[in-house]
Amino acid sequence: MTNRYESGVITGKGIAWGGSQVRTEATGYGTVFFVNEILASRGDSFEGKRVAVSGSGNVAIYAIEKVQQLGGSVVACSDSSGYVFDDKGIDLALLKEIKEVRRGRIQDYVSARGSVAQFVEGKSLWTTPCDIAVPCATQNELNGIDAKALVENGCRIVAEGANMPCTPDAVRIFMEAGISFAPGKAANAGGVATSGLEMQQNASRDSWTFSHTEERLSEIMKGIHERCLVTAEEYGSPGNYVAGANIAGFTQVANAMLALGVI
């Protein structure tokens, strides 16, 4: 039997048969690691920052977890029924209990949390004043009207934690307002990156700890951020993460095709 039939070509496996730790947390953690690099490039950090995260599934929950670990305060999250606002910061243990154990709705959070939290039914959470917005729910969830509300309320960073959650109109508004906008093809790479790490472990017949795998993920996201910035600068668009991600992605594929003689 040759290597092409081995489990190393399948990712997302259970830990017991070659899977990688941090797989569940990867996309949420990765997006927040990318934002952390944006902040670090300005000599800043998550400390004292108010963050709004849409969604309450795996990506959103673990984005919230990492923001809190890095010193930020997530004040709003959502599901398809509406959103909750908690000025004291989302109680992550309670959110996990409701969503991962009870499989409940986001409004159950308010019932359990009490008067410090509010539930807003059927509306977007992007009117919530925040320093950083992390859309982690679904495609096209953040439109031009939402983008204007974020700009008016002083948001300075938007990072996509889902597949194209911001509409083209929203992206244009962010760019015109000077907001640092991290597109999903860069900020949302944590899941794919961890699949690659899982394949590395399988190829070497190794098993990594949670902390080691998380450290590797952090390094990968730092490298993606740096490449976006360097590429944007090189092509005359300093600070433009959209241009940096697009050009870096295109040139990497083009160079590989040339090297392999495809074109």
C-alpha atoms as a PDB file:
ATOM      1  CA  MET A   1       0.000   0.000   0.000  1.00  0.00           C
ATOM      2  CA  THR A   2       1.412   3.395  -0.960  1.00  0.00           C
ATOM      3  CA  ASN A   3       1.159   6.750   0.749  1.00  0.00           C
ATOM      4  CA  ARG A   4      -1.599   7.958  -1.557  1.00  0.00           C
ATOM      5  CA  TYR A   5      -4.025   5.678   0.281  1.00  0.00           C
ATOM      6  CA  GLU A   6      -3.105   6.780   3.768  1.00  0.00           C
ATOM      7  CA  SER A   7      -5.128   8.990   6.093  1.00  0.00           C
ATOM      8  CA  GLY A   8      -2.753  11.921   5.581  1.00  0.00           C
ATOM      9  CA  VAL A   9      -4.695  13.014   2.506  1.00  0.00           C
ATOM     10  CA  ILE A  10      -7.924  13.328   4.519  1.00  0.00           C
ATOM     11  CA  THR A  11      -8.248  16.285   6.898  1.00  0.00           C
ATOM     12  CA  GLY A  12     -10.671  16.965   9.712  1.00  0.00           C
ATOM     13  CA  LYS A  13     -10.217  13.476  11.126  1.00  0.00           C
ATOM     14  CA  GLY A  14     -10.829  12.463  14.729  1.00  0.00           C
ATOM     15  CA  ILE A  15      -7.856  12.819  17.078  1.00  0.00           C
ATOM     16  CA  ALA A  16      -7.771   9.065  17.617  1.00  0.00           C
ATOM     17  CA  TRP A  17      -7.030   8.371  13.942  1.00  0.00           C
ATOM     18  CA  GLY A  18      -4.604  11.108  12.996  1.00  0.00           C
ATOM     19  CA  GLY A  19      -6.596  14.310  13.350  1.00  0.00           C
ATOM     20  CA  SER A  20      -5.164  17.635  14.428  1.00  0.00           C
ATOM     21  CA  GLN A  21      -5.883  19.515  17.604  1.00  0.00           C
ATOM     22  CA  VAL A  22      -7.106  23.125  17.161  1.00  0.00           C
ATOM     23  CA  ARG A  23      -9.183  21.955  14.160  1.00  0.00           C
ATOM     24  CA  THR A  24     -12.455  23.156  15.718  1.00  0.00           C
ATOM     25  CA  GLU A  25     -10.947  26.464  16.830  1.00  0.00           C
ATOM     26  CA  ALA A  26      -8.806  27.076  13.727  1.00  0.00           C
ATOM     27  CA  THR A  27     -10.860  29.508  11.649  1.00  0.00           C
ATOM     28  CA  GLY A  28     -11.970  31.677  14.574  1.00  0.00           C
ATOM     29  CA  TYR A  29      -8.513  31.720  16.137  1.00  0.00           C
ATOM     30  CA  GLY A  30      -6.870  32.397  12.772  1.00  0.00           C
ATOM     31  CA  THR A  31      -9.064  35.416  12.025  1.00  0.00           C
ATOM     32  CA  VAL A  32      -8.289  36.931  15.409  1.00  0.00           C
ATOM     33  CA  PHE A  33      -4.565  36.223  14.992  1.00  0.00           C
ATOM     34  CA  PHE A  34      -4.728  38.191  11.715  1.00  0.00           C
ATOM     35  CA  VAL A  35      -6.441  41.131  13.450  1.00  0.00           C
ATOM     36  CA  ASN A  36      -3.837  40.971  16.198  1.00  0.00           C
ATOM     37  CA  GLU A  37      -1.137  41.428  13.555  1.00  0.00           C
ATOM     38  CA  ILE A  38      -2.974  44.452  12.128  1.00  0.00           C
ATOM     39  CA  LEU A  39      -3.012  45.962  15.615  1.00  0.00           C
ATOM     40  CA  ALA A  40       0.633  45.038  16.268  1.00  0.00           C
ATOM     41  CA  SER A  41       1.680  46.710  13.002  1.00  0.00           C
ATOM     42  CA  ARG A  42       0.346  49.942  14.541  1.00  0.00           C
ATOM     43  CA  GLY A  43       1.980  49.355  17.904  1.00  0.00           C
ATOM     44  CA  ASP A  44      -1.437  48.508  19.368  1.00  0.00           C
ATOM     45  CA  SER A  45      -3.174  45.478  20.914  1.00  0.00           C
ATOM     46  CA  PHE A  46      -6.607  44.078  21.752  1.00  0.00           C
ATOM     47  CA  GLU A  47      -6.426  45.520  25.272  1.00  0.00           C
ATOM     48  CA  GLY A  48      -9.477  47.690  25.881  1.00  0.00           C
ATOM     49  CA  LYS A  49     -10.958  47.114  22.421  1.00  0.00           C
ATOM     50  CA  ARG A  50     -14.693  46.532  21.984  1.00  0.00           C
ATOM     51  CA  VAL A  51     -15.433  43.867  19.392  1.00  0.00           C
ATOM     52  CA  ALA A  52     -18.625  42.755  17.605  1.00  0.00           C
ATOM     53  CA  VAL A  53     -18.669  39.189  16.255  1.00  0.00           C
ATOM     54  CA  SER A  54     -21.572  37.954  14.136  1.00  0.00           C
ATOM     55  CA  GLY A  55     -22.686  34.345  14.414  1.00  0.00           C
ATOM     56  CA  SER A  56     -22.497  31.919  17.323  1.00  0.00           C
ATOM     57  CA  GLY A  57     -21.224  28.731  15.677  1.00  0.00           C
ATOM     58  CA  ASN A  58     -17.702  27.308  15.812  1.00  0.00           C
ATOM     59  CA  VAL A  59     -16.017  30.215  14.031  1.00  0.00           C
ATOM     60  CA  ALA A  60     -17.722  32.925  16.082  1.00  0.00           C
ATOM     61  CA  ILE A  61     -17.390  31.144  19.433  1.00  0.00           C
ATOM     62  CA  TYR A  62     -13.660  30.569  19.033  1.00  0.00           C
ATOM     63  CA  ALA A  63     -13.087  34.042  17.618  1.00  0.00           C
ATOM     64  CA  ILE A  64     -14.733  35.356  20.800  1.00  0.00           C
ATOM     65  CA  GLU A  65     -12.568  33.054  22.912  1.00  0.00           C
ATOM     66  CA  LYS A  66      -9.325  34.260  21.345  1.00  0.00           C
ATOM     67  CA  VAL A  67     -10.325  37.945  21.491  1.00  0.00           C
ATOM     68  CA  GLN A  68     -10.972  37.558  25.213  1.00  0.00           C
ATOM     69  CA  GLN A  69      -7.674  35.724  25.735  1.00  0.00           C
ATOM     70  CA  LEU A  70      -5.878  38.630  24.041  1.00  0.00           C
ATOM     71  CA  GLY A  71      -7.550  41.234  26.254  1.00  0.00           C
ATOM     72  CA  GLY A  72     -10.431  42.431  24.099  1.00  0.00           C
ATOM     73  CA  SER A  73     -14.115  42.604  25.057  1.00  0.00           C
ATOM     74  CA  VAL A  74     -16.712  41.071  22.714  1.00  0.00           C
ATOM     75  CA  VAL A  75     -19.964  42.945  23.339  1.00  0.00           C
ATOM     76  CA  ALA A  76     -22.254  41.424  20.689  1.00  0.00           C
ATOM     77  CA  CYS A  77     -22.891  38.161  18.841  1.00  0.00           C
ATOM     78  CA  SER A  78     -25.810  36.733  16.911  1.00  0.00           C
ATOM     79  CA  ASP A  79     -27.705  33.928  15.229  1.00  0.00           C
ATOM     80  CA  SER A  80     -30.414  33.920  12.553  1.00  0.00           C
ATOM     81  CA  SER A  81     -33.055  35.135  15.030  1.00  0.00           C
ATOM     82  CA  GLY A  82     -31.244  38.340  16.032  1.00  0.00           C
ATOM     83  CA  TYR A  83     -28.365  39.428  18.245  1.00  0.00           C
ATOM     84  CA  VAL A  84     -27.449  39.945  21.870  1.00  0.00           C
ATOM     85  CA  PHE A  85     -25.641  42.949  23.294  1.00  0.00           C
ATOM     86  CA  ASP A  86     -23.758  42.552  26.569  1.00  0.00           C
ATOM     87  CA  ASP A  87     -21.966  45.708  27.641  1.00  0.00           C
ATOM     88  CA  LYS A  88     -19.955  43.796  30.253  1.00  0.00           C
ATOM     89  CA  GLY A  89     -18.644  41.415  27.616  1.00  0.00           C
ATOM     90  CA  ILE A  90     -20.084  38.142  26.337  1.00  0.00           C
ATOM     91  CA  ASP A  91     -20.038  35.360  28.951  1.00  0.00           C
ATOM     92  CA  LEU A  92     -18.279  32.745  26.834  1.00  0.00           C
ATOM     93  CA  ALA A  93     -18.974  29.803  29.145  1.00  0.00           C
ATOM     94  CA  LEU A  94     -22.694  30.615  29.031  1.00  0.00           C
ATOM     95  CA  LEU A  95     -22.653  31.046  25.249  1.00  0.00           C
ATOM     96  CA  LYS A  96     -20.937  27.668  24.821  1.00  0.00           C
ATOM     97  CA  GLU A  97     -23.458  26.033  27.155  1.00  0.00           C
ATOM     98  CA  ILE A  98     -26.379  27.409  25.145  1.00  0.00           C
ATOM     99  CA  LYS A  99     -24.993  26.759  21.675  1.00  0.00           C
ATOM    100  CA  GLU A 100     -22.782  23.680  22.046  1.00  0.00           C
ATOM    101  CA  VAL A 101     -24.649  21.780  24.770  1.00  0.00           C
ATOM    102  CA  ARG A 102     -28.302  22.877  24.748  1.00  0.00           C
ATOM    103  CA  ARG A 103     -28.340  23.730  21.017  1.00  0.00           C
ATOM    104  CA  GLY A 104     -30.494  26.717  21.933  1.00  0.00           C
ATOM    105  CA  ARG A 105     -31.150  30.125  20.419  1.00  0.00           C
ATOM    106  CA  ILE A 106     -29.183  33.283  21.111  1.00  0.00           C
ATOM    107  CA  GLN A 107     -32.090  34.875  23.015  1.00  0.00           C
ATOM    108  CA  ASP A 108     -31.653  32.142  25.659  1.00  0.00           C
ATOM    109  CA  TYR A 109     -28.428  33.947  26.562  1.00  0.00           C
ATOM    110  CA  VAL A 110     -30.411  36.949  27.834  1.00  0.00           C
ATOM    111  CA  SER A 111     -32.743  34.770  29.904  1.00  0.00           C
ATOM    112  CA  ALA A 112     -29.733  33.216  31.643  1.00  0.00           C
ATOM    113  CA  ARG A 113     -27.514  36.305  31.811  1.00  0.00           C
ATOM    114  CA  GLY A 114     -30.091  38.714  33.195  1.00  0.00           C
ATOM    115  CA  SER A 115     -30.496  42.468  32.847  1.00  0.00           C
ATOM    116  CA  VAL A 116     -26.909  43.163  31.751  1.00  0.00           C
ATOM    117  CA  ALA A 117     -27.729  41.723  28.298  1.00  0.00           C
ATOM    118  CA  GLN A 118     -30.264  42.703  25.649  1.00  0.00           C
ATOM    119  CA  PHE A 119     -31.746  40.694  22.781  1.00  0.00           C
ATOM    120  CA  VAL A 120     -32.605  42.494  19.533  1.00  0.00           C
ATOM    121  CA  GLU A 121     -34.813  40.387  17.307  1.00  0.00           C
ATOM    122  CA  GLY A 122     -34.421  40.131  13.540  1.00  0.00           C
ATOM    123  CA  LYS A 123     -31.886  42.938  13.135  1.00  0.00           C
ATOM    124  CA  SER A 124     -28.225  43.240  12.224  1.00  0.00           C
ATOM    125  CA  LEU A 125     -25.743  43.691  15.059  1.00  0.00           C
ATOM    126  CA  TRP A 126     -23.582  46.113  13.048  1.00  0.00           C
ATOM    127  CA  THR A 127     -25.217  49.172  14.610  1.00  0.00           C
ATOM    128  CA  THR A 128     -23.374  48.171  17.802  1.00  0.00           C
ATOM    129  CA  PRO A 129     -20.550  50.669  18.528  1.00  0.00           C
ATOM    130  CA  CYS A 130     -17.261  48.788  18.364  1.00  0.00           C
ATOM    131  CA  ASP A 131     -13.591  49.215  17.549  1.00  0.00           C
ATOM    132  CA  ILE A 132     -13.353  45.952  15.598  1.00  0.00           C
ATOM    133  CA  ALA A 133     -15.982  44.027  13.617  1.00  0.00           C
ATOM    134  CA  VAL A 134     -15.578  40.338  12.805  1.00  0.00           C
ATOM    135  CA  PRO A 135     -18.370  38.952  10.577  1.00  0.00           C
ATOM    136  CA  CYS A 136     -18.351  35.169  11.081  1.00  0.00           C
ATOM    137  CA  ALA A 137     -21.875  34.122  10.102  1.00  0.00           C
ATOM    138  CA  THR A 138     -22.690  33.903   6.403  1.00  0.00           C
ATOM    139  CA  GLN A 139     -22.137  35.308   2.911  1.00  0.00           C
ATOM    140  CA  ASN A 140     -23.340  38.877   2.224  1.00  0.00           C
ATOM    141  CA  GLU A 141     -24.466  39.424   5.827  1.00  0.00           C
ATOM    142  CA  LEU A 142     -22.840  42.867   6.067  1.00  0.00           C
ATOM    143  CA  ASN A 143     -24.124  45.321   3.452  1.00  0.00           C
ATOM    144  CA  GLY A 144     -23.540  48.961   2.597  1.00  0.00           C
ATOM    145  CA  ILE A 145     -25.999  50.247   5.200  1.00  0.00           C
ATOM    146  CA  ASP A 146     -24.280  48.174   7.882  1.00  0.00           C
ATOM    147  CA  ALA A 147     -20.881  49.403   6.721  1.00  0.00           C
ATOM    148  CA  LYS A 148     -21.967  53.034   7.024  1.00  0.00           C
ATOM    149  CA  ALA A 149     -23.211  52.366  10.561  1.00  0.00           C
ATOM    150  CA  LEU A 150     -19.859  50.821  11.536  1.00  0.00           C
ATOM    151  CA  VAL A 151     -17.954  53.777  10.062  1.00  0.00           C
ATOM    152  CA  GLU A 152     -20.176  56.303  11.839  1.00  0.00           C
ATOM    153  CA  ASN A 153     -19.731  54.478  15.155  1.00  0.00           C
ATOM    154  CA  GLY A 154     -15.928  54.577  14.957  1.00  0.00           C
ATOM    155  CA  CYS A 155     -15.036  51.028  13.884  1.00  0.00           C
ATOM    156  CA  ARG A 156     -11.421  50.911  12.639  1.00  0.00           C
ATOM    157  CA  ILE A 157     -10.870  47.255  11.653  1.00  0.00           C
ATOM    158  CA  VAL A 158     -13.102  44.731   9.875  1.00  0.00           C
ATOM    159  CA  ALA A 159     -11.908  41.156   9.360  1.00  0.00           C
ATOM    160  CA  GLU A 160     -13.887  38.498   7.496  1.00  0.00           C
ATOM    161  CA  GLY A 161     -14.236  35.260   9.451  1.00  0.00           C
ATOM    162  CA  ALA A 162     -16.654  33.739   6.932  1.00  0.00           C
ATOM    163  CA  ASN A 163     -16.722  33.318   3.154  1.00  0.00           C
ATOM    164  CA  MET A 164     -17.384  36.770   1.674  1.00  0.00           C
ATOM    165  CA  PRO A 165     -19.648  38.070   4.485  1.00  0.00           C
ATOM    166  CA  CYS A 166     -19.194  41.677   3.280  1.00  0.00           C
ATOM    167  CA  THR A 167     -20.925  42.827   0.099  1.00  0.00           C
ATOM    168  CA  PRO A 168     -18.880  44.710  -2.535  1.00  0.00           C
ATOM    169  CA  ASP A 169     -20.695  47.902  -1.523  1.00  0.00           C
ATOM    170  CA  ALA A 170     -19.633  47.404   2.104  1.00  0.00           C
ATOM    171  CA  VAL A 171     -16.023  46.764   1.108  1.00  0.00           C
ATOM    172  CA  ARG A 172     -15.987  49.953  -0.968  1.00  0.00           C
ATOM    173  CA  ILE A 173     -17.316  51.993   1.963  1.00  0.00           C
ATOM    174  CA  PHE A 174     -14.689  50.559   4.309  1.00  0.00           C
ATOM    175  CA  MET A 175     -11.899  51.315   1.862  1.00  0.00           C
ATOM    176  CA  GLU A 176     -13.075  54.874   1.253  1.00  0.00           C
ATOM    177  CA  ALA A 177     -13.328  55.485   5.015  1.00  0.00           C
ATOM    178  CA  GLY A 178      -9.773  54.281   5.632  1.00  0.00           C
ATOM    179  CA  ILE A 179     -10.856  51.272   7.684  1.00  0.00           C
ATOM    180  CA  SER A 180      -8.419  48.344   7.669  1.00  0.00           C
ATOM    181  CA  PHE A 181     -10.400  45.641   5.887  1.00  0.00           C
ATOM    182  CA  ALA A 182      -9.045  42.085   5.961  1.00  0.00           C
ATOM    183  CA  PRO A 183     -10.682  39.956   3.232  1.00  0.00           C
ATOM    184  CA  GLY A 184     -11.620  36.354   3.901  1.00  0.00           C
ATOM    185  CA  LYS A 185      -9.040  34.930   1.496  1.00  0.00           C
ATOM    186  CA  ALA A 186      -6.421  36.133   4.007  1.00  0.00           C
ATOM    187  CA  ALA A 187      -8.107  36.466   7.412  1.00  0.00           C
ATOM    188  CA  ASN A 188     -10.231  33.323   6.972  1.00  0.00           C
ATOM    189  CA  ALA A 189      -7.312  31.020   6.130  1.00  0.00           C
ATOM    190  CA  GLY A 190      -6.957  29.409   9.564  1.00  0.00           C
ATOM    191  CA  GLY A 191      -9.053  26.347   8.782  1.00  0.00           C
ATOM    192  CA  VAL A 192      -7.189  25.502   5.591  1.00  0.00           C
ATOM    193  CA  ALA A 193      -3.870  26.211   7.297  1.00  0.00           C
ATOM    194  CA  THR A 194      -4.680  23.751  10.066  1.00  0.00           C
ATOM    195  CA  SER A 195      -5.641  21.128   7.487  1.00  0.00           C
ATOM    196  CA  GLY A 196      -2.122  21.559   6.116  1.00  0.00           C
ATOM    197  CA  LEU A 197      -0.680  21.166   9.605  1.00  0.00           C
ATOM    198  CA  GLU A 198      -2.687  17.985  10.049  1.00  0.00           C
ATOM    199  CA  MET A 199      -1.212  16.582   6.841  1.00  0.00           C
ATOM    200  CA  GLN A 200       2.287  17.482   8.061  1.00  0.00           C
ATOM    201  CA  GLN A 201       1.686  15.563  11.278  1.00  0.00           C
ATOM    202  CA  ASN A 202       0.396  12.549   9.341  1.00  0.00           C
ATOM    203  CA  ALA A 203       3.320  12.583   6.908  1.00  0.00           C
ATOM    204  CA  SER A 204       5.808  12.594   9.791  1.00  0.00           C
ATOM    205  CA  ARG A 205       3.815  10.038  11.828  1.00  0.00           C
ATOM    206  CA  ASP A 206       3.664  12.624  14.605  1.00  0.00           C
ATOM    207  CA  SER A 207       1.054  14.018  17.012  1.00  0.00           C
ATOM    208  CA  TRP A 208       1.290  17.633  18.157  1.00  0.00           C
ATOM    209  CA  THR A 209      -0.020  19.200  21.339  1.00  0.00           C
ATOM    210  CA  PHE A 210      -2.752  21.838  21.284  1.00  0.00           C
ATOM    211  CA  SER A 211      -0.307  24.592  22.249  1.00  0.00           C
ATOM    212  CA  HIS A 212       2.233  23.618  19.561  1.00  0.00           C
ATOM    213  CA  THR A 213      -0.436  23.465  16.845  1.00  0.00           C
ATOM    214  CA  GLU A 214      -1.886  26.802  17.939  1.00  0.00           C
ATOM    215  CA  GLU A 215       1.586  28.351  17.862  1.00  0.00           C
ATOM    216  CA  ARG A 216       2.109  27.080  14.316  1.00  0.00           C
ATOM    217  CA  LEU A 217      -1.279  28.496  13.283  1.00  0.00           C
ATOM    218  CA  SER A 218      -0.346  31.857  14.792  1.00  0.00           C
ATOM    219  CA  GLU A 219       2.921  31.867  12.826  1.00  0.00           C
ATOM    220  CA  ILE A 220       1.079  31.075   9.587  1.00  0.00           C
ATOM    221  CA  MET A 221      -1.428  33.888  10.078  1.00  0.00           C
ATOM    222  CA  LYS A 222       1.421  36.270  10.919  1.00  0.00           C
ATOM    223  CA  GLY A 223       3.125  35.271   7.663  1.00  0.00           C
ATOM    224  CA  ILE A 224      -0.066  35.803   5.643  1.00  0.00           C
ATOM    225  CA  HIS A 225      -0.511  39.244   7.189  1.00  0.00           C
ATOM    226  CA  GLU A 226       3.081  40.200   6.455  1.00  0.00           C
ATOM    227  CA  ARG A 227       2.846  39.017   2.852  1.00  0.00           C
ATOM    228  CA  CYS A 228      -0.348  41.035   2.301  1.00  0.00           C
ATOM    229  CA  LEU A 229       1.305  44.189   3.625  1.00  0.00           C
ATOM    230  CA  VAL A 230       4.577  43.714   1.739  1.00  0.00           C
ATOM    231  CA  THR A 231       2.796  42.926  -1.526  1.00  0.00           C
ATOM    232  CA  ALA A 232       0.439  45.880  -1.201  1.00  0.00           C
ATOM    233  CA  GLU A 233       3.431  48.165  -0.599  1.00  0.00           C
ATOM    234  CA  GLU A 234       5.344  46.674  -3.524  1.00  0.00           C
ATOM    235  CA  TYR A 235       2.474  47.298  -5.926  1.00  0.00           C
ATOM    236  CA  GLY A 236       1.775  50.863  -4.828  1.00  0.00           C
ATOM    237  CA  SER A 237      -1.159  50.312  -2.424  1.00  0.00           C
ATOM    238  CA  PRO A 238       0.354  50.550   1.070  1.00  0.00           C
ATOM    239  CA  GLY A 239      -1.931  49.277   3.811  1.00  0.00           C
ATOM    240  CA  ASN A 240      -4.457  47.865   1.342  1.00  0.00           C
ATOM    241  CA  TYR A 241      -5.111  44.300   2.511  1.00  0.00           C
ATOM    242  CA  VAL A 242      -7.509  43.602  -0.358  1.00  0.00           C
ATOM    243  CA  ALA A 243      -4.889  44.454  -2.995  1.00  0.00           C
ATOM    244  CA  GLY A 244      -2.174  42.661  -1.045  1.00  0.00           C
ATOM    245  CA  ALA A 245      -4.190  39.450  -0.655  1.00  0.00           C
ATOM    246  CA  ASN A 246      -5.398  39.441  -4.268  1.00  0.00           C
ATOM    247  CA  ILE A 247      -2.005  40.093  -5.825  1.00  0.00           C
ATOM    248  CA  ALA A 248      -0.109  37.748  -3.481  1.00  0.00           C
ATOM    249  CA  GLY A 249      -2.578  34.934  -4.164  1.00  0.00           C
ATOM    250  CA  PHE A 250      -2.489  35.449  -7.922  1.00  0.00           C
ATOM    251  CA  THR A 251       1.299  35.657  -8.177  1.00  0.00           C
ATOM    252  CA  GLN A 252       1.773  32.545  -6.051  1.00  0.00           C
ATOM    253  CA  VAL A 253      -0.492  30.475  -8.322  1.00  0.00           C
ATOM    254  CA  ALA A 254       1.010  32.010 -11.480  1.00  0.00           C
ATOM    255  CA  ASN A 255       4.578  31.318 -10.354  1.00  0.00           C
ATOM    256  CA  ALA A 256       3.704  27.732  -9.476  1.00  0.00           C
ATOM    257  CA  MET A 257       2.138  27.195 -12.902  1.00  0.00           C
ATOM    258  CA  LEU A 258       5.210  28.619 -14.614  1.00  0.00           C
ATOM    259  CA  ALA A 259       7.546  26.491 -12.509  1.00  0.00           C
ATOM    260  CA  LEU A 260       5.588  23.329 -13.339  1.00  0.00           C
ATOM    261  CA  GLY A 261       5.441  24.160 -17.038  1.00  0.00           C
ATOM    262  CA  VAL A 262       1.648  24.435 -17.095  1.00  0.00           C
ATOM    263  CA  ILE A 263       1.887  27.670 -19.068  1.00  0.00           C
END
